[in-house]
Amino acid sequence: MVLFPLVLLSSVVVHVVWAVPSSAATQCTGTIASLGDVSAAIKCTTIDIMSFTVPAGETFNLALEDGTTVNMTHTFNMTRVSVTVGDIAFGNKTWDGPLFQISGDNIVFNGNGHTFDGGGPFYWDGEGANGGVTKPSPMMKRIWRIKISGIFTNVNVVNSPEGVYSVSNPGLLTMSNLIIDDSDGNTPNSKSDGLPSGQSTVGFAVSTTKLIIENSTIINQDDCIAVDKGNNITLRSNTCMGGNGISIGPVSSGATVSDVVIQNNNIIQSDQAIRITTDAAATDGSVTNVTYSGNTGSQLRMFGVLIDQSAPSILGVPGNGVEISGITFMGSENTLFVNESADNIAVNCGAGSCVGIWDWSALTINGGSYGPINFCGIDGIWD
């Protein structure tokens, strides 16, 4: 900071103070058109990302200055009247990844509708995380070393090798207007033995606090959004298609999930709309204060609502080491349509581990029939 001499104005003494940035480099605009540009560009607090291909086996890593604004953009060559679209592709290699990672506080990342292409068909073998080809997962990593707060918006991801976003933010993060399109993974290929070639393509794996995911579309072959642990999380106005719907869990030992709002989402052609699962062997965990409001679901294949404490089994012998409480359907009506062969509601609690009174008066399910329900503290579903 530079303090200039006193200035006398109308007998009022005024100190004229000019703030000088700690580093002139932070005022620049960095441009990334190859992986080699990253180290120089991240010294700036404005960064433009042009179209390029990340070499196979390398991570596009943005360790950003706090307060940085990043734009995916395109370039024009007015002489040759050409346009370079600002999309990012990744070379193919059997490795663990991730393909992309980002860190920093108070970041604004605007994809401007541009795309990260993960090259999924190279990896897809119908086995996902269960074996076969080693796959970079998650594709867009934000956990442990990789943390961001601020805004992440207008980004498209296509053909992720396996999972896409792993979210563990250090402060409030809003993720909005995102598209994940792994619809090509619904088709079998020569390696998938007749199964959909894409598997384990979780859209968002969430272990965090103070997170909003909104106005996004996820087409995949696994959980649309899965909250493994965390609190103060809002999931609203998203569309999920083809996977396992919106999930809490599976909650493991020592993990807690609380104060989650799941609102105005639309779940289509999924195994279930809403699921809460806990590991049968887990201890010292909890799930509390999860509120569902205004959600819709259609063409649900297995369940409308599933609460199950027997993971990794489905409706197996439940454990009781994770307490579940305050699971409510309230506010705007939640309306689900399940296939006739589906269980519209199934609740499989361990002895004494589901507690309190749960208000489900704002839940309407059409089709199917009741599955097993072994918890008597649910109000509203028998009316």
Protein backbone atom coordinates (compact mmCIF):
# COMPACT_ATOMS: atom_id res chain seq x y z
CA MET A 1 0.00 0.00 0.00
CA VAL A 2 1.30 3.48 -0.88
CA LEU A 3 0.35 6.45 1.37
CA PHE A 4 0.57 9.80 -0.43
CA PRO A 5 1.05 13.18 1.28
CA LEU A 6 -1.81 14.97 2.92
CA VAL A 7 -4.13 16.91 0.63
CA LEU A 8 -5.94 19.93 2.07
CA LEU A 9 -9.48 20.42 0.70
CA SER A 10 -11.74 23.09 2.24
CA SER A 11 -9.96 22.80 5.56
CA VAL A 12 -10.58 19.04 5.63
CA VAL A 13 -7.53 16.86 5.81
CA VAL A 14 -7.80 13.89 3.43
CA HIS A 15 -5.37 11.01 3.15
CA VAL A 16 -5.18 9.85 -0.47
CA VAL A 17 -4.56 6.09 -0.38
CA TRP A 18 -3.89 3.93 -3.42
CA ALA A 19 -3.94 0.17 -3.10
CA VAL A 20 -1.17 -1.50 -4.99
CA PRO A 21 -1.59 -5.20 -5.77
CA SER A 22 0.94 -7.52 -4.21
CA SER A 23 1.91 -8.86 -7.62
CA ALA A 24 1.48 -7.15 -10.96
CA ALA A 25 1.11 -10.58 -12.52
CA THR A 26 -2.31 -11.02 -10.91
CA GLN A 27 -3.70 -8.25 -13.13
CA CYS A 28 -2.91 -10.08 -16.36
CA THR A 29 -5.04 -12.32 -18.58
CA GLY A 30 -3.56 -15.74 -19.18
CA THR A 31 -4.40 -17.85 -22.20
CA ILE A 32 -4.30 -21.65 -22.22
CA ALA A 33 -4.15 -23.27 -25.65
CA SER A 34 -2.03 -26.24 -24.60
CA LEU A 35 -0.97 -27.92 -21.38
CA GLY A 36 2.35 -26.09 -21.66
CA ASP A 37 0.57 -22.76 -21.17
CA VAL A 38 -0.88 -23.62 -17.76
CA SER A 39 2.02 -22.72 -15.46
CA ALA A 40 2.23 -19.15 -16.79
CA ALA A 41 -1.52 -18.61 -17.11
CA ILE A 42 -2.38 -19.53 -13.50
CA LYS A 43 -0.34 -16.56 -12.27
CA CYS A 44 -3.13 -14.35 -13.64
CA THR A 45 -6.57 -13.79 -12.16
CA THR A 46 -8.28 -13.90 -15.56
CA ILE A 47 -7.75 -16.99 -17.70
CA ASP A 48 -9.11 -17.87 -21.14
CA ILE A 49 -9.10 -21.53 -22.16
CA MET A 50 -8.97 -22.23 -25.89
CA SER A 51 -9.59 -25.53 -27.68
CA PHE A 52 -6.86 -28.17 -27.37
CA THR A 53 -6.24 -31.84 -26.63
CA VAL A 54 -4.66 -32.87 -23.33
CA PRO A 55 -1.95 -35.51 -23.95
CA ALA A 56 -2.82 -39.06 -22.89
CA GLY A 57 -1.96 -39.85 -19.29
CA GLU A 58 -1.67 -36.22 -18.17
CA THR A 59 -3.95 -34.12 -15.96
CA PHE A 60 -5.22 -30.68 -16.92
CA ASN A 61 -4.55 -29.13 -13.50
CA LEU A 62 -5.57 -25.57 -12.59
CA ALA A 63 -4.16 -24.51 -9.21
CA LEU A 64 -5.64 -21.01 -9.27
CA GLU A 65 -5.01 -17.76 -7.46
CA ASP A 66 -7.93 -16.91 -5.17
CA GLY A 67 -10.50 -14.77 -6.94
CA THR A 68 -9.64 -15.99 -10.43
CA THR A 69 -12.15 -15.89 -13.30
CA VAL A 70 -11.80 -18.63 -15.91
CA ASN A 71 -13.60 -18.65 -19.26
CA MET A 72 -13.71 -21.43 -21.80
CA THR A 73 -13.78 -19.55 -25.07
CA HIS A 74 -13.12 -19.68 -28.80
CA THR A 75 -10.76 -17.87 -31.12
CA PHE A 76 -11.45 -16.11 -34.36
CA ASN A 77 -9.03 -15.70 -37.25
CA MET A 78 -10.54 -12.81 -39.17
CA THR A 79 -7.97 -13.09 -41.96
CA ARG A 80 -8.84 -16.68 -42.75
CA VAL A 81 -12.42 -16.42 -41.47
CA SER A 82 -12.01 -19.42 -39.21
CA VAL A 83 -13.23 -20.27 -35.74
CA THR A 84 -11.63 -22.56 -33.18
CA VAL A 85 -14.27 -23.97 -30.85
CA GLY A 86 -13.27 -23.87 -27.18
CA ASP A 87 -13.69 -27.57 -26.40
CA ILE A 88 -11.21 -29.79 -24.55
CA ALA A 89 -10.46 -33.39 -25.52
CA PHE A 90 -8.23 -35.91 -23.73
CA GLY A 91 -5.87 -38.45 -25.20
CA ASN A 92 -6.73 -42.06 -24.34
CA LYS A 93 -4.67 -44.17 -21.94
CA THR A 94 -5.45 -46.82 -19.35
CA TRP A 95 -4.58 -44.92 -16.17
CA ASP A 96 -6.27 -43.71 -12.98
CA GLY A 97 -6.54 -40.02 -13.89
CA PRO A 98 -8.06 -37.60 -13.10
CA LEU A 99 -8.35 -35.89 -16.45
CA PHE A 100 -9.09 -32.44 -14.99
CA GLN A 101 -8.68 -30.87 -11.58
CA ILE A 102 -9.03 -27.39 -10.16
CA SER A 103 -8.39 -25.65 -6.86
CA GLY A 104 -8.79 -22.18 -5.37
CA ASP A 105 -11.17 -20.01 -3.36
CA ASN A 106 -13.72 -17.58 -4.76
CA ILE A 107 -13.36 -18.89 -8.30
CA VAL A 108 -15.70 -18.15 -11.21
CA PHE A 109 -15.40 -20.83 -13.90
CA ASN A 110 -17.65 -20.26 -16.91
CA GLY A 111 -17.61 -22.94 -19.59
CA ASN A 112 -19.81 -20.82 -21.87
CA GLY A 113 -21.43 -24.03 -23.13
CA HIS A 114 -18.14 -25.62 -24.22
CA THR A 115 -17.34 -29.29 -23.72
CA PHE A 116 -14.88 -31.60 -22.00
CA ASP A 117 -14.82 -34.87 -24.00
CA GLY A 118 -13.54 -37.77 -21.92
CA GLY A 119 -13.23 -40.28 -24.76
CA GLY A 120 -15.45 -42.80 -22.99
CA PRO A 121 -15.79 -45.39 -25.77
CA PHE A 122 -12.06 -46.15 -25.48
CA TYR A 123 -12.59 -47.25 -21.86
CA TRP A 124 -16.13 -48.57 -21.73
CA ASP A 125 -16.27 -52.33 -21.26
CA GLY A 126 -19.56 -52.90 -19.42
CA GLU A 127 -17.74 -53.32 -16.09
CA GLY A 128 -17.23 -49.74 -14.93
CA ALA A 129 -15.40 -49.66 -11.59
CA ASN A 130 -15.72 -53.43 -11.17
CA GLY A 131 -12.76 -54.44 -13.33
CA GLY A 132 -11.66 -54.56 -16.92
CA VAL A 133 -9.89 -51.54 -18.37
CA THR A 134 -8.41 -49.06 -15.87
CA LYS A 135 -10.34 -45.82 -16.21
CA PRO A 136 -9.61 -42.23 -15.17
CA SER A 137 -12.10 -41.59 -12.37
CA PRO A 138 -13.43 -39.19 -11.41
CA MET A 139 -13.03 -37.31 -14.66
CA MET A 140 -13.40 -33.87 -13.05
CA LYS A 141 -11.79 -34.19 -9.63
CA ARG A 142 -12.50 -31.91 -6.67
CA ILE A 143 -11.56 -33.91 -3.61
CA TRP A 144 -8.60 -33.95 -1.21
CA ARG A 145 -6.05 -31.90 -3.14
CA ILE A 146 -8.63 -30.47 -5.47
CA LYS A 147 -10.94 -27.90 -3.91
CA ILE A 148 -12.85 -24.93 -5.24
CA SER A 149 -15.34 -22.43 -3.85
CA GLY A 150 -17.31 -19.91 -5.87
CA ILE A 151 -19.18 -20.63 -9.11
CA PHE A 152 -18.74 -23.42 -11.67
CA THR A 153 -21.21 -23.05 -14.51
CA ASN A 154 -22.13 -23.69 -18.16
CA VAL A 155 -19.84 -26.69 -18.68
CA ASN A 156 -20.68 -29.75 -20.77
CA VAL A 157 -19.10 -33.16 -20.23
CA VAL A 158 -19.55 -35.97 -22.74
CA ASN A 159 -18.44 -39.61 -22.66
CA SER A 160 -16.78 -39.72 -19.24
CA PRO A 161 -14.62 -42.85 -18.78
CA GLU A 162 -16.22 -43.48 -15.39
CA GLY A 163 -17.36 -41.03 -12.68
CA VAL A 164 -17.47 -37.32 -13.53
CA TYR A 165 -17.47 -34.77 -10.67
CA SER A 166 -16.00 -35.52 -7.25
CA VAL A 167 -16.89 -32.52 -5.09
CA SER A 168 -15.20 -31.45 -1.85
CA ASN A 169 -15.22 -27.67 -1.72
CA PRO A 170 -13.55 -25.49 0.95
CA GLY A 171 -16.35 -22.89 0.95
CA LEU A 172 -19.71 -22.20 -0.64
CA LEU A 173 -19.81 -23.59 -4.18
CA THR A 174 -22.63 -23.25 -6.70
CA MET A 175 -22.53 -25.66 -9.64
CA SER A 176 -25.15 -24.69 -12.20
CA ASN A 177 -26.28 -25.22 -15.78
CA LEU A 178 -24.04 -28.23 -16.28
CA ILE A 179 -24.64 -31.04 -18.76
CA ILE A 180 -23.30 -34.57 -18.38
CA ASP A 181 -24.13 -36.66 -21.44
CA ASP A 182 -23.00 -40.27 -21.26
CA SER A 183 -25.95 -41.47 -23.32
CA ASP A 184 -23.61 -43.24 -25.76
CA GLY A 185 -22.75 -45.57 -22.88
CA ASN A 186 -26.25 -47.06 -23.03
CA THR A 187 -25.25 -48.98 -26.15
CA PRO A 188 -23.38 -52.32 -25.83
CA ASN A 189 -20.02 -52.64 -27.53
CA SER A 190 -17.66 -55.50 -28.40
CA LYS A 191 -16.25 -55.53 -24.83
CA SER A 192 -19.46 -55.29 -22.80
CA ASP A 193 -21.03 -58.73 -23.41
CA GLY A 194 -24.40 -57.30 -24.36
CA LEU A 195 -24.55 -54.88 -21.40
CA PRO A 196 -24.57 -51.12 -21.70
CA SER A 197 -20.93 -50.30 -22.35
CA GLY A 198 -20.85 -47.36 -19.91
CA GLN A 199 -20.99 -48.25 -16.22
CA SER A 200 -20.16 -46.49 -12.91
CA THR A 201 -20.64 -43.11 -14.59
CA VAL A 202 -21.70 -41.31 -11.40
CA GLY A 203 -22.59 -37.71 -12.23
CA PHE A 204 -21.68 -36.05 -8.93
CA ALA A 205 -20.04 -37.78 -5.95
CA VAL A 206 -20.47 -35.35 -3.06
CA SER A 207 -18.53 -35.34 0.23
CA THR A 208 -18.70 -31.75 1.32
CA THR A 209 -20.56 -28.85 2.90
CA LYS A 210 -22.17 -25.65 1.61
CA LEU A 211 -22.86 -26.91 -1.90
CA ILE A 212 -25.60 -26.10 -4.42
CA ILE A 213 -26.10 -28.16 -7.60
CA GLU A 214 -28.84 -26.70 -9.75
CA ASN A 215 -30.38 -26.49 -13.24
CA SER A 216 -28.22 -29.31 -14.58
CA THR A 217 -28.87 -32.36 -16.76
CA ILE A 218 -27.28 -35.74 -16.14
CA ILE A 219 -27.68 -38.69 -18.53
CA ASN A 220 -25.68 -41.66 -17.30
CA GLN A 221 -25.56 -45.25 -16.07
CA ASP A 222 -25.17 -44.78 -12.29
CA ASP A 223 -26.16 -42.33 -9.56
CA CYS A 224 -27.18 -38.97 -10.92
CA ILE A 225 -26.02 -37.31 -7.69
CA ALA A 226 -24.72 -39.25 -4.67
CA VAL A 227 -24.13 -37.58 -1.31
CA ASP A 228 -21.75 -39.79 0.69
CA LYS A 229 -21.26 -37.34 3.57
CA GLY A 230 -21.63 -33.64 4.30
CA ASN A 231 -24.17 -31.00 5.28
CA ASN A 232 -25.93 -27.86 4.07
CA ILE A 233 -26.35 -29.26 0.56
CA THR A 234 -29.06 -28.21 -1.90
CA LEU A 235 -29.89 -30.18 -5.06
CA ARG A 236 -32.54 -28.38 -7.08
CA SER A 237 -34.10 -28.19 -10.52
CA ASN A 238 -31.89 -30.89 -12.02
CA THR A 239 -32.89 -33.53 -14.59
CA CYS A 240 -31.60 -37.09 -14.20
CA MET A 241 -32.04 -39.74 -16.87
CA GLY A 242 -31.09 -43.38 -17.22
CA GLY A 243 -29.18 -44.00 -14.00
CA ASN A 244 -29.95 -44.61 -10.33
CA GLY A 245 -31.62 -41.34 -9.42
CA ILE A 246 -30.59 -39.08 -6.52
CA SER A 247 -28.91 -40.93 -3.66
CA ILE A 248 -27.78 -40.40 -0.12
CA GLY A 249 -24.99 -42.89 0.54
CA PRO A 250 -24.04 -45.57 0.82
CA VAL A 251 -23.13 -44.01 4.19
CA SER A 252 -20.10 -45.70 5.74
CA SER A 253 -18.61 -45.81 9.25
CA GLY A 254 -18.19 -42.42 10.87
CA ALA A 255 -19.86 -40.54 8.02
CA THR A 256 -22.68 -38.07 8.64
CA VAL A 257 -25.17 -36.50 6.26
CA SER A 258 -27.41 -33.68 7.44
CA ASP A 259 -29.46 -30.72 6.27
CA VAL A 260 -29.92 -31.73 2.65
CA VAL A 261 -32.67 -30.17 0.49
CA ILE A 262 -33.67 -32.09 -2.65
CA GLN A 263 -36.11 -29.90 -4.54
CA ASN A 264 -37.85 -29.69 -7.92
CA ASN A 265 -35.72 -32.35 -9.61
CA ASN A 266 -37.02 -34.57 -12.41
CA ILE A 267 -35.86 -38.20 -12.52
CA ILE A 268 -36.65 -40.17 -15.69
CA GLN A 269 -36.09 -43.79 -16.72
CA SER A 270 -34.01 -44.58 -13.64
CA ASP A 271 -33.79 -47.53 -11.26
CA GLN A 272 -35.35 -45.35 -8.60
CA ALA A 273 -36.02 -41.66 -8.03
CA ILE A 274 -34.90 -41.37 -4.42
CA ARG A 275 -32.59 -43.60 -2.44
CA ILE A 276 -30.93 -43.57 0.99
CA THR A 277 -28.55 -46.44 1.68
CA THR A 278 -26.14 -47.24 4.50
CA ASP A 279 -23.48 -49.92 4.75
CA ALA A 280 -24.72 -52.91 6.70
CA ALA A 281 -21.43 -53.07 8.63
CA ALA A 282 -21.14 -49.31 9.28
CA THR A 283 -20.95 -47.82 12.77
CA ASP A 284 -21.10 -44.31 14.23
CA GLY A 285 -22.81 -42.75 11.22
CA SER A 286 -25.99 -40.74 10.79
CA VAL A 287 -28.39 -39.34 8.20
CA THR A 288 -30.68 -36.57 9.42
CA ASN A 289 -32.84 -33.72 8.14
CA VAL A 290 -33.21 -34.63 4.48
CA THR A 291 -36.13 -32.80 2.86
CA TYR A 292 -37.74 -33.68 -0.49
CA SER A 293 -40.04 -31.12 -2.11
CA GLY A 294 -41.54 -30.79 -5.58
CA ASN A 295 -39.63 -33.66 -7.17
CA THR A 296 -41.07 -35.71 -10.02
CA GLY A 297 -40.16 -39.13 -11.36
CA SER A 298 -41.36 -41.29 -14.24
CA GLN A 299 -40.64 -44.69 -15.80
CA LEU A 300 -38.90 -45.79 -12.61
CA ARG A 301 -37.74 -49.36 -13.04
CA MET A 302 -37.22 -50.82 -9.54
CA PHE A 303 -38.32 -48.42 -6.80
CA GLY A 304 -39.95 -45.07 -6.30
CA VAL A 305 -38.37 -44.50 -2.88
CA LEU A 306 -35.79 -46.90 -1.40
CA ILE A 307 -34.36 -46.61 2.10
CA ASP A 308 -32.08 -49.55 2.77
CA GLN A 309 -29.54 -50.28 5.50
CA SER A 310 -28.18 -53.48 3.96
CA ALA A 311 -25.67 -52.10 1.39
CA PRO A 312 -24.02 -53.45 -0.64
CA SER A 313 -27.00 -55.82 -0.76
CA ILE A 314 -30.43 -54.61 -1.83
CA LEU A 315 -33.12 -55.34 0.77
CA GLY A 316 -30.80 -57.79 2.51
CA VAL A 317 -30.04 -58.09 6.23
CA PRO A 318 -29.84 -54.50 7.53
CA GLY A 319 -27.25 -53.13 9.93
CA ASN A 320 -28.06 -50.66 12.68
CA GLY A 321 -24.85 -48.65 13.03
CA VAL A 322 -26.15 -45.60 11.13
CA GLU A 323 -29.06 -43.68 12.64
CA ILE A 324 -31.57 -42.26 10.16
CA SER A 325 -33.96 -39.49 11.23
CA GLY A 326 -35.89 -36.54 9.87
CA ILE A 327 -36.56 -37.87 6.36
CA THR A 328 -39.46 -35.76 5.11
CA PHE A 329 -41.54 -35.19 1.98
CA MET A 330 -43.07 -31.79 2.51
CA GLY A 331 -43.90 -28.50 0.81
CA SER A 332 -44.72 -28.98 -2.87
CA GLU A 333 -45.97 -32.44 -3.80
CA ASN A 334 -43.44 -35.07 -4.84
CA THR A 335 -45.05 -37.16 -7.61
CA LEU A 336 -43.52 -40.42 -8.84
CA PHE A 337 -44.63 -42.93 -11.47
CA VAL A 338 -43.12 -46.40 -11.19
CA ASN A 339 -43.36 -49.41 -13.48
CA GLU A 340 -45.99 -51.95 -12.51
CA SER A 341 -43.35 -54.50 -11.50
CA ALA A 342 -41.57 -52.02 -9.22
CA ASP A 343 -41.76 -51.46 -5.47
CA ASN A 344 -43.15 -47.98 -5.08
CA ILE A 345 -41.79 -47.71 -1.51
CA ALA A 346 -39.36 -49.98 0.30
CA VAL A 347 -37.92 -49.23 3.75
CA ASN A 348 -35.43 -51.68 5.25
CA CYS A 349 -34.13 -50.34 8.57
CA GLY A 350 -31.86 -52.00 11.10
CA ALA A 351 -33.22 -52.63 14.59
CA GLY A 352 -33.76 -49.26 16.28
CA SER A 353 -31.73 -47.28 13.76
CA CYS A 354 -34.59 -45.44 12.06
CA VAL A 355 -35.99 -43.02 14.63
CA GLY A 356 -38.56 -40.26 15.05
CA ILE A 357 -41.63 -39.46 13.00
CA TRP A 358 -41.14 -38.86 9.28
CA ASP A 359 -43.73 -36.71 7.50
CA TRP A 360 -44.34 -38.14 4.02
CA SER A 361 -47.64 -36.37 3.43
CA ALA A 362 -46.33 -34.61 0.29
CA LEU A 363 -45.50 -37.86 -1.53
CA THR A 364 -47.68 -39.40 -4.22
CA ILE A 365 -46.61 -42.58 -6.00
CA ASN A 366 -48.48 -44.10 -8.91
CA GLY A 367 -48.03 -47.69 -10.08
CA GLY A 368 -46.27 -50.66 -8.59
CA SER A 369 -46.97 -51.96 -5.10
CA TYR A 370 -45.55 -51.55 -1.62
CA GLY A 371 -42.29 -53.32 -0.97
CA PRO A 372 -41.13 -54.32 2.51
CA ILE A 373 -41.53 -51.53 5.08
CA ASN A 374 -40.25 -52.32 8.58
CA PHE A 375 -40.35 -48.84 10.15
CA CYS A 376 -43.62 -47.65 11.68
CA GLY A 377 -42.64 -43.99 12.14
CA ILE A 378 -43.73 -42.81 8.66
CA ASP A 379 -46.79 -40.57 8.54
CA GLY A 380 -48.77 -39.92 5.40
CA ILE A 381 -48.18 -42.93 3.13
CA TRP A 382 -51.15 -44.94 4.37
CA ASP A 383 -53.81 -42.26 3.77
